[in-house]
């Protein structure tokens, strides 16, 4: 067989193998962690590949949100359930 055809065959097989490994690495290194992070209602940073927990500014400053409906919506948006009211006997 022509040696050029053999060389081309090996070149295409090597290129296919490199691209397949790259696709698997991309999927399990970026796509799967992003989906897991977003399903946990956290923030995904693709540049650093970090899954971060969002924090309310009121938690940092110590100032409370005066409007109870707005506070409940803010906590629901970051995946934190609002604190339950104490049960009175």
N, C-alpha and C. Protein backbone atom coordinates (compact mmCIF):
# COMPACT_ATOMS: atom_id res chain seq x y z
N UNK A 1 0.84 -1.17 0.00
CA UNK A 1 0.00 0.00 0.00
C UNK A 1 0.89 1.24 0.00
N UNK A 2 0.37 2.32 -0.50
CA UNK A 2 1.11 3.57 -0.59
C UNK A 2 1.46 4.07 0.81
N UNK A 3 2.73 4.42 1.08
CA UNK A 3 3.11 4.88 2.43
C UNK A 3 2.45 6.21 2.81
N UNK A 4 2.10 7.01 1.84
CA UNK A 4 1.42 8.28 2.16
C UNK A 4 0.02 8.03 2.74
N UNK A 5 -0.65 7.01 2.20
CA UNK A 5 -1.98 6.68 2.70
C UNK A 5 -1.87 6.16 4.14
N UNK A 6 -0.88 5.35 4.42
CA UNK A 6 -0.67 4.84 5.78
C UNK A 6 -0.39 6.00 6.75
N UNK A 7 0.45 6.93 6.31
CA UNK A 7 0.78 8.08 7.14
C UNK A 7 -0.46 8.94 7.41
N UNK A 8 -1.25 9.18 6.39
CA UNK A 8 -2.47 9.96 6.55
C UNK A 8 -3.47 9.26 7.47
N UNK A 9 -3.55 7.93 7.33
CA UNK A 9 -4.44 7.16 8.20
C UNK A 9 -4.04 7.33 9.66
N UNK A 10 -2.77 7.22 9.95
CA UNK A 10 -2.30 7.38 11.32
C UNK A 10 -2.49 8.82 11.81
N UNK A 11 -2.31 9.78 10.93
CA UNK A 11 -2.51 11.18 11.30
C UNK A 11 -3.97 11.44 11.66
N UNK A 12 -4.90 10.94 10.85
CA UNK A 12 -6.32 11.14 11.15
C UNK A 12 -6.75 10.39 12.41
N UNK A 13 -6.23 9.19 12.62
CA UNK A 13 -6.55 8.46 13.84
C UNK A 13 -6.03 9.19 15.08
N UNK A 14 -4.83 9.74 14.99
CA UNK A 14 -4.26 10.49 16.12
C UNK A 14 -5.08 11.76 16.38
N UNK A 15 -5.46 12.45 15.32
CA UNK A 15 -6.27 13.67 15.48
C UNK A 15 -7.62 13.33 16.11
N UNK A 16 -8.24 12.25 15.67
CA UNK A 16 -9.52 11.82 16.24
C UNK A 16 -9.36 11.49 17.72
N UNK A 17 -8.30 10.78 18.09
CA UNK A 17 -8.08 10.41 19.49
C UNK A 17 -7.87 11.65 20.35
N UNK A 18 -7.10 12.61 19.87
CA UNK A 18 -6.85 13.83 20.64
C UNK A 18 -8.15 14.62 20.82
N UNK A 19 -8.95 14.75 19.76
CA UNK A 19 -10.22 15.47 19.86
C UNK A 19 -11.22 14.75 20.77
N UNK A 20 -11.23 13.43 20.74
CA UNK A 20 -12.14 12.68 21.61
C UNK A 20 -11.75 12.86 23.08
N UNK A 21 -10.47 12.79 23.38
CA UNK A 21 -10.01 13.00 24.76
C UNK A 21 -10.32 14.43 25.19
N UNK A 22 -10.14 15.40 24.29
CA UNK A 22 -10.46 16.79 24.60
C UNK A 22 -11.94 16.98 24.90
N UNK A 23 -12.81 16.32 24.13
CA UNK A 23 -14.25 16.44 24.35
C UNK A 23 -14.66 15.82 25.69
N UNK A 24 -14.09 14.69 26.04
CA UNK A 24 -14.41 14.04 27.31
C UNK A 24 -13.90 14.90 28.48
N UNK A 25 -12.69 15.46 28.33
CA UNK A 25 -12.13 16.33 29.37
C UNK A 25 -13.00 17.56 29.56
N UNK A 26 -13.42 18.17 28.46
CA UNK A 26 -14.29 19.35 28.54
C UNK A 26 -15.61 19.01 29.24
N UNK A 27 -16.19 17.89 28.88
CA UNK A 27 -17.49 17.52 29.44
C UNK A 27 -17.40 17.28 30.95
N UNK A 28 -16.43 16.47 31.38
CA UNK A 28 -16.34 16.13 32.80
C UNK A 28 -15.58 17.17 33.61
N UNK A 29 -14.87 18.09 32.96
CA UNK A 29 -14.14 19.12 33.69
C UNK A 29 -14.88 20.43 33.80
N UNK A 30 -15.80 20.70 32.84
CA UNK A 30 -16.51 21.98 32.85
C UNK A 30 -18.03 21.83 32.83
N UNK A 31 -18.56 20.99 31.99
CA UNK A 31 -20.01 20.91 31.81
C UNK A 31 -20.69 20.26 33.02
N UNK A 32 -20.19 19.12 33.45
CA UNK A 32 -20.81 18.40 34.58
C UNK A 32 -20.72 19.22 35.88
N UNK A 33 -19.54 19.78 36.24
CA UNK A 33 -19.51 20.59 37.47
C UNK A 33 -20.41 21.82 37.39
N UNK A 34 -20.52 22.43 36.21
CA UNK A 34 -21.40 23.60 36.06
C UNK A 34 -22.85 23.21 36.32
N UNK A 35 -23.28 22.09 35.77
CA UNK A 35 -24.67 21.66 35.98
C UNK A 35 -24.92 21.32 37.44
N UNK A 36 -23.97 20.67 38.09
CA UNK A 36 -24.13 20.34 39.51
C UNK A 36 -24.18 21.60 40.36
N UNK A 37 -23.35 22.58 40.04
CA UNK A 37 -23.31 23.82 40.79
C UNK A 37 -24.61 24.60 40.62
N UNK A 38 -25.07 24.71 39.38
CA UNK A 38 -26.30 25.45 39.14
C UNK A 38 -27.53 24.74 39.69
N UNK A 39 -27.51 23.41 39.73
CA UNK A 39 -28.64 22.69 40.32
C UNK A 39 -28.68 22.87 41.84
N UNK A 40 -27.53 23.17 42.44
CA UNK A 40 -27.47 23.45 43.88
C UNK A 40 -27.75 24.92 44.17
N UNK A 41 -28.12 25.68 43.14
CA UNK A 41 -28.46 27.11 43.24
C UNK A 41 -27.29 27.93 43.74
N UNK A 42 -26.10 27.62 43.19
CA UNK A 42 -24.90 28.38 43.51
C UNK A 42 -24.40 29.06 42.23
N UNK A 43 -23.35 29.87 42.36
CA UNK A 43 -22.80 30.59 41.23
C UNK A 43 -21.59 29.85 40.68
N UNK A 44 -21.55 29.67 39.34
CA UNK A 44 -20.45 28.97 38.67
C UNK A 44 -19.56 29.98 37.98
N UNK A 45 -18.27 29.94 38.26
CA UNK A 45 -17.28 30.78 37.61
C UNK A 45 -16.50 29.92 36.63
N UNK A 46 -16.75 30.05 35.30
CA UNK A 46 -16.09 29.16 34.35
C UNK A 46 -14.60 29.43 34.19
N UNK A 47 -14.16 30.65 34.44
CA UNK A 47 -12.73 30.96 34.30
C UNK A 47 -11.89 30.24 35.33
N UNK A 48 -12.35 30.22 36.56
CA UNK A 48 -11.62 29.58 37.65
C UNK A 48 -12.19 28.20 37.99
N UNK A 49 -13.33 27.86 37.40
CA UNK A 49 -14.04 26.60 37.66
C UNK A 49 -14.34 26.46 39.15
N UNK A 50 -14.95 27.52 39.72
CA UNK A 50 -15.28 27.55 41.13
C UNK A 50 -16.79 27.63 41.29
N UNK A 51 -17.30 26.85 42.22
CA UNK A 51 -18.71 26.90 42.58
C UNK A 51 -18.81 27.67 43.89
N UNK A 52 -19.43 28.86 43.85
CA UNK A 52 -19.46 29.73 45.02
C UNK A 52 -20.87 29.87 45.58
N UNK A 53 -20.93 29.99 46.88
CA UNK A 53 -22.20 30.20 47.57
C UNK A 53 -22.51 31.69 47.55
N UNK A 54 -23.66 32.10 47.00
CA UNK A 54 -24.01 33.51 47.04
C UNK A 54 -24.32 33.97 48.46
N UNK A 55 -23.98 35.21 48.75
CA UNK A 55 -24.17 35.76 50.09
C UNK A 55 -24.99 37.04 49.97
N UNK A 56 -25.96 37.18 50.84
CA UNK A 56 -26.74 38.41 50.88
C UNK A 56 -25.89 39.53 51.48
N UNK A 57 -26.03 40.72 50.94
CA UNK A 57 -25.30 41.87 51.48
C UNK A 57 -25.71 42.13 52.92
N UNK A 58 -26.95 41.83 53.25
CA UNK A 58 -27.40 42.04 54.63
C UNK A 58 -26.66 41.11 55.60
N UNK A 59 -26.19 39.96 55.13
CA UNK A 59 -25.39 39.08 55.98
C UNK A 59 -24.01 39.67 56.26
N UNK A 60 -23.46 40.40 55.29
CA UNK A 60 -22.13 40.99 55.45
C UNK A 60 -22.19 42.23 56.32
N UNK A 61 -23.14 43.10 56.04
CA UNK A 61 -23.20 44.38 56.74
C UNK A 61 -23.91 44.30 58.08
N UNK A 62 -24.74 43.30 58.27
CA UNK A 62 -25.50 43.17 59.50
C UNK A 62 -26.79 43.96 59.49
N UNK A 63 -27.03 44.69 58.41
CA UNK A 63 -28.28 45.45 58.30
C UNK A 63 -29.37 44.52 57.81
N UNK A 64 -30.50 44.59 58.42
CA UNK A 64 -31.59 43.69 58.05
C UNK A 64 -32.44 44.30 56.95
N UNK A 65 -33.09 43.43 56.20
CA UNK A 65 -34.02 43.87 55.18
C UNK A 65 -35.35 44.12 55.88
N UNK A 66 -35.86 45.33 55.75
CA UNK A 66 -37.05 45.72 56.48
C UNK A 66 -38.32 45.09 55.93
N UNK A 67 -38.41 44.98 54.63
CA UNK A 67 -39.60 44.41 54.00
C UNK A 67 -39.50 42.88 54.08
N UNK A 68 -40.41 42.25 54.79
CA UNK A 68 -40.35 40.80 55.01
C UNK A 68 -40.53 40.01 53.71
N UNK A 69 -41.36 40.53 52.81
CA UNK A 69 -41.57 39.84 51.53
C UNK A 69 -40.30 39.91 50.69
N UNK A 70 -39.63 41.05 50.69
CA UNK A 70 -38.38 41.20 49.96
C UNK A 70 -37.29 40.31 50.55
N UNK A 71 -37.28 40.19 51.88
CA UNK A 71 -36.30 39.34 52.54
C UNK A 71 -36.53 37.87 52.16
N UNK A 72 -37.78 37.44 52.16
CA UNK A 72 -38.10 36.06 51.79
C UNK A 72 -37.72 35.79 50.34
N UNK A 73 -37.99 36.75 49.45
CA UNK A 73 -37.64 36.58 48.04
C UNK A 73 -36.12 36.52 47.85
N UNK A 74 -35.38 37.34 48.58
CA UNK A 74 -33.92 37.35 48.47
C UNK A 74 -33.34 36.03 48.96
N UNK A 75 -33.86 35.52 50.07
CA UNK A 75 -33.36 34.25 50.58
C UNK A 75 -33.74 33.09 49.66
N UNK A 76 -34.92 33.16 49.08
CA UNK A 76 -35.33 32.11 48.14
C UNK A 76 -34.48 32.15 46.88
N UNK A 77 -34.06 33.35 46.46
CA UNK A 77 -33.26 33.49 45.24
C UNK A 77 -31.88 32.87 45.39
N UNK A 78 -31.34 32.86 46.60
CA UNK A 78 -30.02 32.26 46.79
C UNK A 78 -30.11 30.84 47.34
N UNK A 79 -31.32 30.32 47.47
CA UNK A 79 -31.49 28.94 47.88
C UNK A 79 -31.57 28.72 49.37
N UNK A 80 -31.77 29.78 50.11
CA UNK A 80 -31.92 29.66 51.56
C UNK A 80 -33.38 29.86 51.91
N UNK A 81 -33.93 28.92 52.62
CA UNK A 81 -35.33 29.03 53.03
C UNK A 81 -35.42 30.08 54.14
N UNK A 82 -36.47 30.88 54.12
CA UNK A 82 -36.62 31.85 55.21
C UNK A 82 -36.81 31.12 56.54
N UNK A 83 -36.35 31.76 57.59
CA UNK A 83 -36.46 31.16 58.92
C UNK A 83 -37.91 30.96 59.29
N UNK A 84 -38.19 29.81 59.84
CA UNK A 84 -39.58 29.51 60.23
C UNK A 84 -39.92 30.26 61.51
N UNK A 85 -41.17 30.65 61.60
CA UNK A 85 -41.64 31.35 62.81
C UNK A 85 -41.67 30.35 63.96
N UNK A 86 -41.32 30.81 65.16
CA UNK A 86 -41.37 29.90 66.31
C UNK A 86 -42.80 29.44 66.60
N UNK A 87 -42.90 28.20 67.00
CA UNK A 87 -44.21 27.63 67.29
C UNK A 87 -44.54 27.92 68.75
N UNK A 88 -45.71 28.50 68.97
CA UNK A 88 -46.14 28.82 70.33
C UNK A 88 -47.07 27.72 70.84
N UNK A 89 -46.87 27.28 72.07
CA UNK A 89 -47.75 26.22 72.60
C UNK A 89 -49.11 26.71 72.98
